[in-house]
N, C-alpha and C. Protein backbone atom coordinates (compact mmCIF):
# COMPACT_ATOMS: atom_id res chain seq x y z
N UNK A 1 -14.40 -163.62 -37.42
CA UNK A 1 -13.71 -163.36 -38.68
C UNK A 1 -12.67 -162.33 -38.44
N UNK A 2 -11.47 -162.53 -38.91
CA UNK A 2 -10.37 -161.61 -38.71
C UNK A 2 -10.39 -160.51 -39.77
N UNK A 3 -10.09 -159.20 -39.31
CA UNK A 3 -10.05 -158.09 -40.29
C UNK A 3 -8.71 -158.14 -41.02
N UNK A 4 -8.79 -157.68 -42.25
CA UNK A 4 -7.58 -157.72 -43.08
C UNK A 4 -6.79 -156.44 -42.86
N UNK A 5 -5.54 -156.52 -42.63
CA UNK A 5 -4.69 -155.34 -42.44
C UNK A 5 -3.88 -155.12 -43.71
N UNK A 6 -3.67 -153.74 -43.94
CA UNK A 6 -2.83 -153.42 -45.10
C UNK A 6 -1.40 -153.76 -44.77
N UNK A 7 -0.68 -154.25 -45.69
CA UNK A 7 0.71 -154.57 -45.42
C UNK A 7 1.48 -153.34 -45.00
N UNK A 8 2.47 -153.48 -44.17
CA UNK A 8 3.27 -152.36 -43.67
C UNK A 8 3.97 -151.63 -44.78
N UNK A 9 4.36 -152.35 -45.81
CA UNK A 9 5.06 -151.71 -46.94
C UNK A 9 4.16 -150.73 -47.66
N UNK A 10 2.86 -151.00 -47.77
CA UNK A 10 1.92 -150.09 -48.46
C UNK A 10 1.74 -148.81 -47.67
N UNK A 11 1.62 -148.91 -46.35
CA UNK A 11 1.44 -147.71 -45.51
C UNK A 11 2.70 -146.86 -45.55
N UNK A 12 3.82 -147.45 -45.56
CA UNK A 12 5.09 -146.71 -45.63
C UNK A 12 5.20 -145.94 -46.93
N UNK A 13 4.81 -146.62 -48.03
CA UNK A 13 4.86 -145.93 -49.33
C UNK A 13 3.91 -144.73 -49.36
N UNK A 14 2.76 -144.86 -48.72
CA UNK A 14 1.75 -143.79 -48.71
C UNK A 14 2.31 -142.55 -47.99
N UNK A 15 2.88 -142.75 -46.80
CA UNK A 15 3.45 -141.61 -46.05
C UNK A 15 4.67 -141.03 -46.77
N UNK A 16 5.45 -141.88 -47.40
CA UNK A 16 6.61 -141.39 -48.14
C UNK A 16 6.18 -140.48 -49.30
N UNK A 17 5.07 -140.83 -49.97
CA UNK A 17 4.56 -140.01 -51.10
C UNK A 17 4.10 -138.65 -50.62
N UNK A 18 3.39 -138.63 -49.47
CA UNK A 18 2.91 -137.34 -48.94
C UNK A 18 4.08 -136.47 -48.54
N UNK A 19 5.06 -137.06 -47.91
CA UNK A 19 6.25 -136.29 -47.49
C UNK A 19 6.97 -135.73 -48.70
N UNK A 20 7.04 -136.48 -49.78
CA UNK A 20 7.71 -136.02 -50.99
C UNK A 20 6.99 -134.83 -51.60
N UNK A 21 5.65 -134.87 -51.61
CA UNK A 21 4.85 -133.76 -52.17
C UNK A 21 5.06 -132.49 -51.35
N UNK A 22 5.05 -132.62 -50.02
CA UNK A 22 5.25 -131.46 -49.14
C UNK A 22 6.64 -130.88 -49.35
N UNK A 23 7.64 -131.73 -49.50
CA UNK A 23 9.01 -131.28 -49.70
C UNK A 23 9.15 -130.51 -51.01
N UNK A 24 8.53 -131.02 -52.07
CA UNK A 24 8.58 -130.34 -53.38
C UNK A 24 7.93 -128.96 -53.29
N UNK A 25 6.79 -128.88 -52.59
CA UNK A 25 6.08 -127.60 -52.44
C UNK A 25 6.94 -126.60 -51.68
N UNK A 26 7.62 -127.06 -50.63
CA UNK A 26 8.46 -126.15 -49.86
C UNK A 26 9.66 -125.67 -50.68
N UNK A 27 10.23 -126.55 -51.45
CA UNK A 27 11.36 -126.17 -52.30
C UNK A 27 10.94 -125.15 -53.37
N UNK A 28 9.75 -125.32 -53.95
CA UNK A 28 9.25 -124.39 -54.97
C UNK A 28 9.03 -123.01 -54.38
N UNK A 29 8.49 -122.93 -53.15
CA UNK A 29 8.25 -121.64 -52.50
C UNK A 29 9.55 -120.94 -52.17
N UNK A 30 10.54 -121.68 -51.83
CA UNK A 30 11.82 -121.09 -51.47
C UNK A 30 12.63 -120.63 -52.65
N UNK A 31 12.32 -121.11 -53.84
CA UNK A 31 13.12 -120.78 -55.03
C UNK A 31 12.53 -119.64 -55.84
N UNK A 32 11.79 -118.71 -55.22
CA UNK A 32 11.29 -117.56 -55.98
C UNK A 32 9.84 -117.63 -56.29
N UNK A 33 9.11 -118.58 -55.77
CA UNK A 33 7.68 -118.65 -56.02
C UNK A 33 6.94 -117.53 -55.35
N UNK A 34 7.46 -117.01 -54.22
CA UNK A 34 6.80 -115.92 -53.50
C UNK A 34 7.31 -114.58 -53.98
N UNK A 35 6.73 -113.48 -53.43
CA UNK A 35 7.15 -112.14 -53.82
C UNK A 35 8.32 -111.72 -52.97
N UNK A 36 9.16 -110.87 -53.49
CA UNK A 36 10.33 -110.39 -52.77
C UNK A 36 10.20 -108.90 -52.55
N UNK A 37 10.55 -108.43 -51.38
CA UNK A 37 10.47 -107.00 -51.10
C UNK A 37 11.80 -106.32 -51.31
N UNK A 38 12.82 -107.06 -51.76
CA UNK A 38 14.12 -106.44 -51.98
C UNK A 38 14.08 -105.62 -53.25
N UNK A 39 14.83 -104.53 -53.31
CA UNK A 39 14.82 -103.67 -54.49
C UNK A 39 15.37 -104.37 -55.71
N UNK A 40 14.92 -103.94 -56.88
CA UNK A 40 15.37 -104.52 -58.14
C UNK A 40 16.72 -103.94 -58.46
N UNK A 41 17.62 -104.82 -58.92
CA UNK A 41 18.94 -104.32 -59.31
C UNK A 41 19.11 -104.41 -60.79
N UNK A 42 19.90 -103.51 -61.33
CA UNK A 42 20.15 -103.49 -62.76
C UNK A 42 21.22 -104.48 -63.13
N UNK A 43 21.71 -104.41 -64.41
CA UNK A 43 22.72 -105.34 -64.90
C UNK A 43 24.02 -105.20 -64.13
N UNK A 44 24.33 -103.97 -63.69
CA UNK A 44 25.61 -103.74 -63.01
C UNK A 44 25.49 -103.97 -61.52
N UNK A 45 24.36 -104.45 -61.05
CA UNK A 45 24.18 -104.72 -59.63
C UNK A 45 23.88 -103.48 -58.82
N UNK A 46 23.61 -102.35 -59.49
CA UNK A 46 23.31 -101.12 -58.78
C UNK A 46 21.84 -101.09 -58.41
N UNK A 47 21.54 -100.45 -57.27
CA UNK A 47 20.16 -100.39 -56.78
C UNK A 47 19.34 -99.45 -57.65
N UNK A 48 18.11 -99.85 -57.94
CA UNK A 48 17.19 -99.03 -58.74
C UNK A 48 15.96 -98.74 -57.90
N UNK A 49 15.46 -97.49 -57.94
CA UNK A 49 14.30 -97.10 -57.15
C UNK A 49 12.99 -97.30 -57.89
N UNK A 50 13.03 -97.80 -59.08
CA UNK A 50 11.81 -98.04 -59.81
C UNK A 50 11.88 -99.41 -60.47
N UNK A 51 10.70 -99.96 -60.77
CA UNK A 51 10.64 -101.31 -61.31
C UNK A 51 10.87 -101.30 -62.80
N UNK A 52 10.20 -100.37 -63.50
CA UNK A 52 10.32 -100.32 -64.96
C UNK A 52 11.01 -99.03 -65.34
N UNK A 53 12.11 -99.13 -66.04
CA UNK A 53 12.80 -97.93 -66.47
C UNK A 53 12.04 -97.25 -67.59
N UNK A 54 12.07 -95.90 -67.61
CA UNK A 54 11.38 -95.14 -68.65
C UNK A 54 12.27 -94.00 -69.10
N UNK A 55 12.24 -93.73 -70.40
CA UNK A 55 13.03 -92.63 -70.94
C UNK A 55 12.17 -91.37 -71.14
N UNK A 56 10.88 -91.44 -70.75
CA UNK A 56 9.99 -90.28 -70.89
C UNK A 56 10.35 -89.25 -69.84
N UNK A 57 10.53 -88.01 -70.29
CA UNK A 57 10.85 -86.96 -69.32
C UNK A 57 9.57 -86.48 -68.65
N UNK A 58 9.62 -86.30 -67.36
CA UNK A 58 8.46 -85.84 -66.59
C UNK A 58 8.85 -84.54 -65.92
N UNK A 59 8.02 -83.51 -66.11
CA UNK A 59 8.30 -82.22 -65.50
C UNK A 59 7.28 -81.93 -64.43
N UNK A 60 7.59 -80.92 -63.60
CA UNK A 60 6.71 -80.56 -62.50
C UNK A 60 5.37 -80.02 -63.01
N UNK A 61 5.37 -79.35 -64.17
CA UNK A 61 4.16 -78.72 -64.70
C UNK A 61 3.44 -79.57 -65.72
N UNK A 62 3.77 -80.88 -65.76
CA UNK A 62 3.14 -81.73 -66.77
C UNK A 62 1.64 -81.78 -66.56
N UNK A 63 0.88 -81.63 -67.65
CA UNK A 63 -0.58 -81.67 -67.58
C UNK A 63 -1.19 -80.29 -67.44
N UNK A 64 -0.39 -79.25 -67.20
CA UNK A 64 -0.90 -77.89 -67.10
C UNK A 64 -0.81 -77.24 -68.47
N UNK A 65 -1.95 -76.76 -69.06
CA UNK A 65 -1.89 -76.18 -70.39
C UNK A 65 -1.08 -74.90 -70.40
N UNK A 66 -0.33 -74.71 -71.47
CA UNK A 66 0.47 -73.50 -71.60
C UNK A 66 -0.33 -72.45 -72.34
N UNK A 67 -0.41 -71.24 -71.80
CA UNK A 67 -1.21 -70.16 -72.40
C UNK A 67 -0.26 -69.09 -72.90
N UNK A 68 -0.36 -68.81 -74.20
CA UNK A 68 0.49 -67.77 -74.78
C UNK A 68 -0.09 -66.40 -74.46
N UNK A 69 0.78 -65.44 -74.31
CA UNK A 69 0.33 -64.06 -74.10
C UNK A 69 -0.34 -63.56 -75.36
N UNK A 70 -1.36 -62.70 -75.20
CA UNK A 70 -2.10 -62.17 -76.35
C UNK A 70 -1.21 -61.33 -77.24
N UNK A 71 -1.40 -61.48 -78.53
CA UNK A 71 -0.64 -60.70 -79.50
C UNK A 71 -1.62 -59.94 -80.38
N UNK A 72 -1.35 -58.68 -80.61
CA UNK A 72 -2.23 -57.83 -81.42
C UNK A 72 -1.59 -57.60 -82.78
N UNK A 73 -2.36 -57.71 -83.86
CA UNK A 73 -1.80 -57.51 -85.20
C UNK A 73 -1.16 -56.14 -85.37
N UNK A 74 -1.73 -55.12 -84.70
CA UNK A 74 -1.20 -53.76 -84.83
C UNK A 74 -0.17 -53.45 -83.76
N UNK A 75 0.07 -54.42 -82.86
CA UNK A 75 1.05 -54.20 -81.80
C UNK A 75 0.45 -53.65 -80.52
N UNK A 76 -0.86 -53.33 -80.52
CA UNK A 76 -1.50 -52.82 -79.30
C UNK A 76 -2.98 -53.15 -79.32
N UNK A 77 -3.62 -53.05 -78.17
CA UNK A 77 -5.05 -53.32 -78.01
C UNK A 77 -5.86 -52.25 -78.73
N UNK A 78 -6.86 -52.69 -79.52
CA UNK A 78 -7.65 -51.73 -80.29
C UNK A 78 -9.12 -51.76 -79.92
N UNK A 79 -9.45 -52.27 -78.72
CA UNK A 79 -10.86 -52.40 -78.32
C UNK A 79 -11.60 -51.07 -78.33
N UNK A 80 -10.90 -49.99 -78.00
CA UNK A 80 -11.56 -48.69 -77.92
C UNK A 80 -11.42 -47.89 -79.22
N UNK A 81 -10.92 -48.51 -80.28
CA UNK A 81 -10.76 -47.81 -81.54
C UNK A 81 -11.89 -48.14 -82.49
N UNK A 82 -12.08 -47.26 -83.45
CA UNK A 82 -13.10 -47.46 -84.47
C UNK A 82 -12.74 -48.66 -85.33
N UNK A 83 -13.76 -49.47 -85.70
CA UNK A 83 -13.49 -50.64 -86.55
C UNK A 83 -13.02 -50.22 -87.94
N UNK A 84 -13.35 -49.01 -88.34
CA UNK A 84 -12.95 -48.53 -89.67
C UNK A 84 -11.53 -48.00 -89.66
N UNK A 85 -10.92 -47.87 -88.48
CA UNK A 85 -9.57 -47.35 -88.39
C UNK A 85 -9.52 -45.84 -88.24
N UNK A 86 -10.68 -45.16 -88.24
CA UNK A 86 -10.69 -43.71 -88.06
C UNK A 86 -10.35 -43.35 -86.63
N UNK A 87 -9.80 -42.19 -86.43
CA UNK A 87 -9.51 -41.69 -85.09
C UNK A 87 -10.83 -41.56 -84.34
N UNK A 88 -10.97 -42.17 -83.14
CA UNK A 88 -12.23 -42.09 -82.43
C UNK A 88 -12.53 -40.66 -81.98
N UNK A 89 -13.80 -40.29 -82.05
CA UNK A 89 -14.24 -38.97 -81.60
C UNK A 89 -14.66 -39.09 -80.15
N UNK A 90 -14.13 -38.23 -79.29
CA UNK A 90 -14.51 -38.22 -77.89
C UNK A 90 -15.90 -37.60 -77.78
N UNK A 91 -16.89 -38.36 -77.31
CA UNK A 91 -18.26 -37.86 -77.29
C UNK A 91 -18.46 -36.64 -76.40
N UNK A 92 -17.64 -36.49 -75.36
CA UNK A 92 -17.79 -35.32 -74.48
C UNK A 92 -17.33 -34.03 -75.16
N UNK A 93 -16.65 -34.16 -76.31
CA UNK A 93 -16.25 -32.95 -77.04
C UNK A 93 -17.38 -32.43 -77.93
N UNK A 94 -18.47 -33.18 -78.04
CA UNK A 94 -19.57 -32.79 -78.93
C UNK A 94 -20.56 -31.83 -78.25
N UNK A 95 -20.64 -31.89 -76.93
CA UNK A 95 -21.53 -31.00 -76.17
C UNK A 95 -20.76 -30.54 -74.94
N UNK A 96 -20.64 -29.22 -74.76
CA UNK A 96 -19.89 -28.71 -73.61
C UNK A 96 -20.74 -28.77 -72.34
N UNK A 97 -20.07 -28.60 -71.21
CA UNK A 97 -20.77 -28.60 -69.93
C UNK A 97 -21.79 -27.46 -69.87
N UNK A 98 -21.40 -26.29 -70.38
CA UNK A 98 -22.30 -25.12 -70.37
C UNK A 98 -23.53 -25.38 -71.25
N UNK A 99 -23.32 -26.00 -72.41
CA UNK A 99 -24.45 -26.30 -73.31
C UNK A 99 -25.38 -27.33 -72.66
N UNK A 100 -24.80 -28.34 -72.01
CA UNK A 100 -25.62 -29.35 -71.33
C UNK A 100 -26.39 -28.73 -70.18
N UNK A 101 -25.76 -27.78 -69.46
CA UNK A 101 -26.44 -27.12 -68.34
C UNK A 101 -27.62 -26.29 -68.84
N UNK A 102 -27.46 -25.67 -70.01
CA UNK A 102 -28.56 -24.87 -70.58
C UNK A 102 -29.73 -25.76 -70.96
N UNK A 103 -29.45 -26.97 -71.40
CA UNK A 103 -30.53 -27.90 -71.80
C UNK A 103 -31.20 -28.49 -70.57
N UNK A 104 -30.40 -28.94 -69.59
CA UNK A 104 -30.94 -29.62 -68.41
C UNK A 104 -31.41 -28.65 -67.33
N UNK A 105 -30.87 -27.41 -67.38
CA UNK A 105 -31.31 -26.39 -66.42
C UNK A 105 -30.67 -26.55 -65.07
N UNK A 106 -29.43 -26.11 -64.93
CA UNK A 106 -28.73 -26.21 -63.65
C UNK A 106 -27.33 -26.77 -63.83
N UNK A 107 -26.62 -26.91 -62.72
CA UNK A 107 -25.24 -27.43 -62.77
C UNK A 107 -25.23 -28.86 -63.31
N UNK A 108 -24.23 -29.14 -64.10
CA UNK A 108 -24.13 -30.46 -64.75
C UNK A 108 -22.77 -31.07 -64.47
N UNK A 109 -22.77 -32.36 -64.18
CA UNK A 109 -21.53 -33.14 -64.03
C UNK A 109 -21.33 -33.93 -65.32
N UNK A 110 -20.11 -33.91 -65.86
CA UNK A 110 -19.80 -34.61 -67.11
C UNK A 110 -18.75 -35.69 -66.84
N UNK A 111 -19.06 -36.92 -67.24
CA UNK A 111 -18.13 -38.05 -67.06
C UNK A 111 -18.07 -38.84 -68.36
N UNK A 112 -16.85 -39.17 -68.78
CA UNK A 112 -16.70 -40.03 -69.97
C UNK A 112 -16.40 -41.44 -69.51
N UNK A 113 -17.22 -42.38 -69.97
CA UNK A 113 -17.03 -43.80 -69.64
C UNK A 113 -16.37 -44.49 -70.83
N UNK A 114 -15.50 -45.48 -70.57
CA UNK A 114 -14.73 -46.09 -71.66
C UNK A 114 -15.56 -46.89 -72.65
N UNK A 115 -16.68 -47.49 -72.21
CA UNK A 115 -17.46 -48.32 -73.12
C UNK A 115 -18.12 -47.45 -74.16
N UNK A 116 -17.72 -47.61 -75.39
CA UNK A 116 -18.30 -46.80 -76.48
C UNK A 116 -17.29 -45.98 -77.24
N UNK A 117 -16.61 -44.99 -76.65
CA UNK A 117 -16.85 -44.41 -75.33
C UNK A 117 -18.17 -43.65 -75.25
N UNK A 118 -18.63 -43.41 -74.05
CA UNK A 118 -19.92 -42.76 -73.81
C UNK A 118 -19.72 -41.56 -72.91
N UNK A 119 -20.39 -40.45 -73.23
CA UNK A 119 -20.36 -39.27 -72.38
C UNK A 119 -21.65 -39.23 -71.57
N UNK A 120 -21.51 -39.04 -70.26
CA UNK A 120 -22.66 -39.02 -69.36
C UNK A 120 -22.79 -37.63 -68.75
N UNK A 121 -23.95 -37.00 -68.98
CA UNK A 121 -24.27 -35.69 -68.41
C UNK A 121 -25.32 -35.90 -67.33
N UNK A 122 -25.06 -35.43 -66.13
CA UNK A 122 -26.05 -35.58 -65.07
C UNK A 122 -26.24 -34.25 -64.34
N UNK A 123 -27.51 -33.89 -64.10
CA UNK A 123 -27.84 -32.65 -63.41
C UNK A 123 -29.33 -32.46 -63.35
N UNK A 124 -29.78 -31.70 -62.36
CA UNK A 124 -31.20 -31.42 -62.17
C UNK A 124 -32.03 -32.70 -62.09
N UNK A 125 -31.44 -33.74 -61.52
CA UNK A 125 -32.17 -35.00 -61.34
C UNK A 125 -32.33 -35.81 -62.61
N UNK A 126 -31.64 -35.42 -63.67
CA UNK A 126 -31.73 -36.16 -64.94
C UNK A 126 -30.35 -36.61 -65.37
N UNK A 127 -30.33 -37.68 -66.17
CA UNK A 127 -29.07 -38.19 -66.72
C UNK A 127 -29.25 -38.44 -68.21
N UNK A 128 -28.29 -37.95 -69.00
CA UNK A 128 -28.31 -38.10 -70.45
C UNK A 128 -26.99 -38.74 -70.87
N UNK A 129 -27.06 -39.77 -71.72
CA UNK A 129 -25.83 -40.37 -72.26
C UNK A 129 -25.76 -40.10 -73.76
N UNK A 130 -24.56 -39.87 -74.23
CA UNK A 130 -24.34 -39.58 -75.65
C UNK A 130 -23.22 -40.47 -76.15
N UNK A 131 -23.47 -41.19 -77.23
CA UNK A 131 -22.46 -42.10 -77.78
C UNK A 131 -22.52 -42.06 -79.30
N UNK A 132 -21.36 -42.21 -79.92
CA UNK A 132 -21.25 -42.28 -81.38
C UNK A 132 -20.89 -43.71 -81.73
N UNK A 133 -21.78 -44.40 -82.47
CA UNK A 133 -21.59 -45.82 -82.77
C UNK A 133 -21.47 -46.04 -84.27
N UNK A 134 -20.85 -47.16 -84.62
CA UNK A 134 -20.79 -47.57 -86.03
C UNK A 134 -21.72 -48.74 -86.22
N UNK A 135 -22.94 -48.45 -86.63
CA UNK A 135 -23.94 -49.48 -86.92
C UNK A 135 -25.05 -48.86 -87.75
N UNK A 136 -25.80 -49.68 -88.48
CA UNK A 136 -26.87 -49.14 -89.33
C UNK A 136 -27.98 -48.51 -88.49
N UNK A 137 -28.42 -47.33 -88.91
CA UNK A 137 -29.52 -46.64 -88.22
C UNK A 137 -30.80 -47.47 -88.29
N UNK A 138 -31.03 -48.12 -89.42
CA UNK A 138 -32.27 -48.88 -89.61
C UNK A 138 -32.40 -50.02 -88.60
N UNK A 139 -31.30 -50.65 -88.23
CA UNK A 139 -31.38 -51.76 -87.28
C UNK A 139 -31.81 -51.26 -85.89
N UNK A 140 -31.38 -50.05 -85.52
CA UNK A 140 -31.81 -49.47 -84.25
C UNK A 140 -33.30 -49.15 -84.26
N UNK A 141 -33.77 -48.62 -85.39
CA UNK A 141 -35.19 -48.25 -85.50
C UNK A 141 -36.05 -49.50 -85.50
N UNK A 142 -35.61 -50.55 -86.22
CA UNK A 142 -36.39 -51.79 -86.28
C UNK A 142 -36.49 -52.47 -84.92
N UNK A 143 -35.46 -52.37 -84.12
CA UNK A 143 -35.44 -53.06 -82.83
C UNK A 143 -36.20 -52.35 -81.73
N UNK A 144 -36.67 -51.13 -81.98
CA UNK A 144 -37.36 -50.35 -80.94
C UNK A 144 -38.80 -50.79 -80.78
N UNK A 145 -39.34 -50.57 -79.56
CA UNK A 145 -40.75 -50.86 -79.31
C UNK A 145 -41.64 -49.90 -80.11
N UNK A 146 -41.20 -48.64 -80.20
CA UNK A 146 -41.92 -47.64 -80.99
C UNK A 146 -40.94 -46.60 -81.48
N UNK A 147 -41.30 -45.87 -82.55
CA UNK A 147 -40.42 -44.83 -83.10
C UNK A 147 -41.26 -43.72 -83.74
N UNK A 148 -40.69 -42.51 -83.71
CA UNK A 148 -41.33 -41.41 -84.43
C UNK A 148 -40.25 -40.51 -85.00
N UNK A 149 -40.54 -39.91 -86.13
CA UNK A 149 -39.58 -39.10 -86.85
C UNK A 149 -39.41 -37.73 -86.19
N UNK A 150 -38.14 -37.26 -86.13
CA UNK A 150 -37.83 -35.93 -85.59
C UNK A 150 -36.75 -35.27 -86.43
N UNK A 151 -36.54 -33.96 -86.23
CA UNK A 151 -35.50 -33.22 -86.95
C UNK A 151 -34.69 -32.41 -85.96
N UNK A 152 -33.36 -32.39 -86.16
CA UNK A 152 -32.46 -31.59 -85.33
C UNK A 152 -31.34 -31.07 -86.20
N UNK A 153 -31.12 -29.75 -86.20
CA UNK A 153 -30.06 -29.12 -86.99
C UNK A 153 -30.13 -29.56 -88.45
N UNK A 154 -31.34 -29.59 -88.98
CA UNK A 154 -31.61 -29.95 -90.39
C UNK A 154 -31.28 -31.41 -90.70
N UNK A 155 -31.17 -32.24 -89.70
CA UNK A 155 -30.91 -33.67 -89.90
C UNK A 155 -32.12 -34.47 -89.44
N UNK A 156 -32.40 -35.52 -90.20
CA UNK A 156 -33.55 -36.37 -89.90
C UNK A 156 -33.13 -37.48 -88.95
N UNK A 157 -33.96 -37.75 -87.92
CA UNK A 157 -33.67 -38.83 -86.97
C UNK A 157 -34.94 -39.40 -86.39
N UNK A 158 -34.80 -40.15 -85.30
CA UNK A 158 -35.95 -40.83 -84.70
C UNK A 158 -35.88 -40.75 -83.18
N UNK A 159 -37.04 -40.58 -82.58
CA UNK A 159 -37.20 -40.81 -81.15
C UNK A 159 -37.63 -42.27 -81.00
N UNK A 160 -36.87 -43.03 -80.21
CA UNK A 160 -37.14 -44.45 -80.06
C UNK A 160 -37.49 -44.78 -78.62
N UNK A 161 -38.26 -45.83 -78.46
CA UNK A 161 -38.56 -46.31 -77.11
C UNK A 161 -38.06 -47.73 -76.97
N UNK A 162 -37.03 -47.89 -76.15
CA UNK A 162 -36.57 -49.22 -75.73
C UNK A 162 -37.00 -49.37 -74.28
N UNK A 163 -36.15 -49.89 -73.42
CA UNK A 163 -36.42 -49.86 -71.98
C UNK A 163 -36.41 -48.41 -71.50
N UNK A 164 -35.55 -47.62 -72.14
CA UNK A 164 -35.49 -46.17 -71.87
C UNK A 164 -35.60 -45.45 -73.21
N UNK A 165 -36.10 -44.23 -73.22
CA UNK A 165 -36.22 -43.49 -74.49
C UNK A 165 -34.85 -43.04 -74.99
N UNK A 166 -34.70 -42.93 -76.29
CA UNK A 166 -33.46 -42.42 -76.87
C UNK A 166 -33.75 -41.77 -78.22
N UNK A 167 -32.78 -40.99 -78.67
CA UNK A 167 -32.88 -40.30 -79.96
C UNK A 167 -31.69 -40.74 -80.80
N UNK A 168 -31.93 -41.09 -82.07
CA UNK A 168 -30.84 -41.52 -82.94
C UNK A 168 -30.85 -40.72 -84.23
N UNK A 169 -29.64 -40.38 -84.70
CA UNK A 169 -29.46 -39.66 -85.95
C UNK A 169 -28.30 -40.26 -86.71
N UNK A 170 -28.41 -40.29 -88.03
CA UNK A 170 -27.27 -40.69 -88.84
C UNK A 170 -26.22 -39.60 -88.75
N UNK A 171 -24.97 -40.00 -88.49
CA UNK A 171 -23.89 -39.03 -88.36
C UNK A 171 -22.91 -39.13 -89.52
N UNK A 172 -23.31 -39.82 -90.60
CA UNK A 172 -22.47 -39.96 -91.78
C UNK A 172 -21.38 -41.00 -91.61
N UNK A 173 -20.90 -41.53 -92.73
CA UNK A 173 -19.80 -42.51 -92.77
C UNK A 173 -20.11 -43.75 -91.95
N UNK A 174 -21.39 -44.17 -91.97
CA UNK A 174 -21.79 -45.39 -91.27
C UNK A 174 -21.92 -45.22 -89.77
N UNK A 175 -21.91 -43.99 -89.27
CA UNK A 175 -21.99 -43.75 -87.83
C UNK A 175 -23.39 -43.31 -87.43
N UNK A 176 -23.73 -43.56 -86.16
CA UNK A 176 -25.01 -43.16 -85.59
C UNK A 176 -24.74 -42.43 -84.29
N UNK A 177 -25.37 -41.26 -84.14
CA UNK A 177 -25.33 -40.54 -82.88
C UNK A 177 -26.54 -40.98 -82.08
N UNK A 178 -26.32 -41.52 -80.88
CA UNK A 178 -27.42 -41.96 -80.04
C UNK A 178 -27.37 -41.21 -78.72
N UNK A 179 -28.49 -40.56 -78.40
CA UNK A 179 -28.62 -39.83 -77.14
C UNK A 179 -29.72 -40.51 -76.34
N UNK A 180 -29.36 -41.07 -75.20
CA UNK A 180 -30.35 -41.72 -74.34
C UNK A 180 -30.91 -40.67 -73.39
N UNK A 181 -32.15 -40.26 -73.68
CA UNK A 181 -32.83 -39.22 -72.90
C UNK A 181 -34.26 -39.15 -73.39
N UNK A 182 -35.07 -38.40 -72.67
CA UNK A 182 -36.43 -38.13 -73.16
C UNK A 182 -36.32 -37.44 -74.52
N UNK A 183 -37.29 -37.64 -75.37
CA UNK A 183 -37.22 -37.19 -76.76
C UNK A 183 -36.83 -35.71 -76.90
N UNK A 184 -37.49 -34.83 -76.16
CA UNK A 184 -37.24 -33.40 -76.31
C UNK A 184 -35.80 -33.04 -75.94
N UNK A 185 -35.33 -33.54 -74.79
CA UNK A 185 -33.96 -33.26 -74.38
C UNK A 185 -32.96 -33.91 -75.33
N UNK A 186 -33.25 -35.13 -75.79
CA UNK A 186 -32.36 -35.81 -76.72
C UNK A 186 -32.20 -35.07 -78.02
N UNK A 187 -33.28 -34.51 -78.54
CA UNK A 187 -33.21 -33.74 -79.79
C UNK A 187 -32.36 -32.50 -79.59
N UNK A 188 -32.46 -31.85 -78.44
CA UNK A 188 -31.67 -30.64 -78.18
C UNK A 188 -30.18 -30.96 -78.08
N UNK A 189 -29.84 -32.08 -77.43
CA UNK A 189 -28.43 -32.50 -77.39
C UNK A 189 -27.93 -32.81 -78.80
N UNK A 190 -28.73 -33.52 -79.59
CA UNK A 190 -28.33 -33.88 -80.96
C UNK A 190 -28.15 -32.62 -81.81
N UNK A 191 -28.99 -31.61 -81.60
CA UNK A 191 -28.90 -30.36 -82.38
C UNK A 191 -27.56 -29.65 -82.13
N UNK A 192 -27.02 -29.81 -80.93
CA UNK A 192 -25.70 -29.21 -80.61
C UNK A 192 -24.57 -30.09 -81.18
N UNK A 193 -24.70 -31.41 -81.08
CA UNK A 193 -23.62 -32.32 -81.45
C UNK A 193 -23.47 -32.51 -82.96
N UNK A 194 -24.58 -32.61 -83.68
CA UNK A 194 -24.51 -32.96 -85.11
C UNK A 194 -23.69 -31.99 -85.96
N UNK A 195 -23.80 -30.66 -85.78
CA UNK A 195 -22.96 -29.76 -86.60
C UNK A 195 -21.47 -29.97 -86.37
N UNK A 196 -21.07 -30.48 -85.22
CA UNK A 196 -19.66 -30.74 -84.95
C UNK A 196 -19.21 -32.07 -85.58
N UNK A 197 -20.16 -32.94 -85.86
CA UNK A 197 -19.85 -34.19 -86.53
C UNK A 197 -19.86 -34.03 -88.05
N UNK A 198 -20.84 -33.25 -88.52
CA UNK A 198 -21.00 -33.05 -89.96
C UNK A 198 -21.16 -31.56 -90.26
N UNK A 199 -20.05 -30.79 -90.23
CA UNK A 199 -20.16 -29.32 -90.43
C UNK A 199 -20.62 -28.97 -91.83
């Protein structure tokens, strides 16, 4: 039995169709189907270094927050001033070096620290701090581990026990005199200071 062969015209048409498809594909790729690495040009044919134009201004410090310099209502820093606006009393002016030496017994070094401000007396192995604060006396007494009533220069106060012992007295006008020291020494410092606060 003889095998049947496809006519030559059919085979020719088949190869012609494949060639036509390949040719169309090649033409499509050559006409912009692929990506181009050439730079984008504008309407005037000038070279552009970016793909999408933007009118947003970009600065070197973009994204960095701007911090304004501090401004004080009174024109200056008032951290060390009284909240009531009164002239602050220098605590080292309330007890002299000689008076502190008589209480502590021996030479005394006196240093004023800015926080408060606070006056620090040191000598004979002891250290006493004296500060004038604006706060309620009752809140200091309530916050203490223990308290007992004392008197100095006809003023009523308290010996308190916190982490360290201290003596507190009302100094008038919402102020409190606080002496951080053992009760006896604290009362003696307060007895010298209080008449200068409330003559």
